[in-house]
Amino acid sequence: MPQSSISLPEPIARYFAADKTDGEAVAQCFSPDGTVIDEGQSHQGRAAIVKWREDAVTKYTYTSKPFAMDSEGGRTLVTSRLEGNFPGSPIDLTYAFTLDGDAIAKLEIGI
């Protein structure tokens, strides 16, 4: 079972905490023109990120537990165990964060 005792950089820790609440909280973790790439779709800007998050929770109920972290090419890679009512659950996903100061400039979610 993955362990969740990793120390995430503050903007990333805020993202995972916000993901338990609502889309507006998630969007506030990003720079104003931040981007999320998920399931082959790109969502740019806070309004688009709110919609992306709200659409995701409309389709699925899930929990996300980060358990590993690495860095590569200026990005922080976080592996998280997602469990929920979606096909293939549970699954380990990699979140590739590009930070801009204390905000997330880009998040790419993939397997």
Protein backbone atom coordinates (compact mmCIF):
# COMPACT_ATOMS: atom_id res chain seq x y z
CA MET A 1 0.00 0.00 0.00
CA PRO A 2 1.44 3.42 -0.91
CA GLN A 3 2.53 5.62 1.96
CA SER A 4 1.46 9.26 2.15
CA SER A 5 4.20 10.71 4.33
CA ILE A 6 5.92 12.82 1.69
CA SER A 7 6.62 16.52 2.08
CA LEU A 8 5.14 18.31 -0.93
CA PRO A 9 6.11 21.85 -1.98
CA GLU A 10 3.52 24.32 -0.66
CA PRO A 11 1.68 25.05 -3.97
CA ILE A 12 1.34 21.31 -4.63
CA ALA A 13 0.20 20.56 -1.08
CA ARG A 14 -2.43 23.30 -1.50
CA TYR A 15 -3.60 21.70 -4.76
CA PHE A 16 -4.17 18.28 -3.21
CA ALA A 17 -5.94 19.84 -0.21
CA ALA A 18 -8.12 21.98 -2.50
CA ASP A 19 -8.99 18.96 -4.64
CA LYS A 20 -10.95 17.67 -1.62
CA THR A 21 -13.13 20.79 -1.63
CA ASP A 22 -14.25 22.50 -4.87
CA GLY A 23 -13.22 23.77 -8.29
CA GLU A 24 -12.79 27.37 -7.19
CA ALA A 25 -10.31 26.33 -4.49
CA VAL A 26 -8.42 24.20 -7.03
CA ALA A 27 -8.28 27.07 -9.56
CA GLN A 28 -6.84 29.44 -6.95
CA CYS A 29 -3.76 27.18 -6.73
CA PHE A 30 -2.89 28.15 -10.32
CA SER A 31 -1.46 31.30 -11.87
CA PRO A 32 -4.18 33.33 -13.68
CA ASP A 33 -3.24 31.76 -17.04
CA GLY A 34 -2.38 28.34 -15.59
CA THR A 35 -3.04 25.20 -17.59
CA VAL A 36 -4.26 21.70 -16.79
CA ILE A 37 -3.81 18.88 -19.29
CA ASP A 38 -5.95 15.85 -18.41
CA GLU A 39 -7.45 13.03 -20.48
CA GLY A 40 -6.03 14.60 -23.67
CA GLN A 41 -7.75 17.94 -23.04
CA SER A 42 -6.13 21.28 -22.23
CA HIS A 43 -7.83 23.70 -19.82
CA GLN A 44 -6.24 27.17 -19.62
CA GLY A 45 -7.10 29.92 -17.15
CA ARG A 46 -8.82 29.73 -13.79
CA ALA A 47 -12.39 29.68 -15.19
CA ALA A 48 -11.53 26.70 -17.42
CA ILE A 49 -9.85 24.96 -14.48
CA VAL A 50 -12.96 25.43 -12.32
CA LYS A 51 -15.08 23.86 -15.08
CA TRP A 52 -12.61 20.98 -15.56
CA ARG A 53 -12.66 20.17 -11.83
CA GLU A 54 -16.45 20.48 -11.53
CA ASP A 55 -16.96 18.24 -14.58
CA ALA A 56 -14.61 15.63 -13.06
CA VAL A 57 -16.52 15.46 -9.77
CA THR A 58 -19.83 15.31 -11.63
CA LYS A 59 -18.63 12.16 -13.42
CA TYR A 60 -16.67 10.51 -10.61
CA THR A 61 -16.28 10.34 -6.87
CA TYR A 62 -12.66 9.76 -5.91
CA THR A 63 -9.92 10.22 -3.36
CA SER A 64 -6.34 11.08 -4.21
CA LYS A 65 -3.41 10.15 -1.95
CA PRO A 66 0.05 11.36 -3.04
CA PHE A 67 2.77 8.88 -2.08
CA ALA A 68 5.90 9.60 -4.16
CA MET A 69 7.67 12.67 -5.51
CA ASP A 70 10.53 13.25 -7.96
CA SER A 71 11.72 16.04 -10.23
CA GLU A 72 12.48 16.03 -13.92
CA GLY A 73 13.20 18.84 -16.37
CA GLY A 74 12.05 21.62 -14.04
CA ARG A 75 8.84 19.80 -13.15
CA THR A 76 7.83 18.21 -9.87
CA LEU A 77 6.38 14.74 -10.46
CA VAL A 78 3.96 13.47 -7.84
CA THR A 79 2.54 9.96 -7.98
CA SER A 80 -0.85 9.64 -6.35
CA ARG A 81 -3.20 6.72 -5.77
CA LEU A 82 -6.70 7.49 -7.03
CA GLU A 83 -9.56 5.38 -5.77
CA GLY A 84 -13.17 5.89 -6.76
CA ASN A 85 -16.09 4.94 -8.96
CA PHE A 86 -14.25 5.14 -12.29
CA PRO A 87 -13.07 2.36 -14.62
CA GLY A 88 -9.77 0.84 -13.53
CA SER A 89 -9.94 2.05 -9.92
CA PRO A 90 -7.64 2.13 -8.03
CA ILE A 91 -4.94 3.60 -10.24
CA ASP A 92 -1.64 5.37 -9.68
CA LEU A 93 -1.40 8.62 -11.67
CA THR A 94 1.55 10.91 -12.19
CA TYR A 95 0.92 14.63 -11.76
CA ALA A 96 3.62 16.74 -13.46
CA PHE A 97 3.59 20.20 -11.88
CA THR A 98 5.40 23.23 -13.28
CA LEU A 99 5.55 25.90 -10.61
CA ASP A 100 5.74 29.67 -11.00
CA GLY A 101 6.64 31.08 -7.59
CA ASP A 102 3.88 30.09 -5.18
CA ALA A 103 1.43 29.13 -7.95
CA ILE A 104 1.05 26.25 -10.37
CA ALA A 105 1.72 27.32 -13.97
CA LYS A 106 0.99 23.92 -15.52
CA LEU A 107 -0.29 20.54 -14.44
CA GLU A 108 -0.16 17.49 -16.68
CA ILE A 109 -2.01 14.43 -15.40
CA GLY A 110 -1.18 11.02 -16.84
CA ILE A 111 -0.64 7.38 -16.07
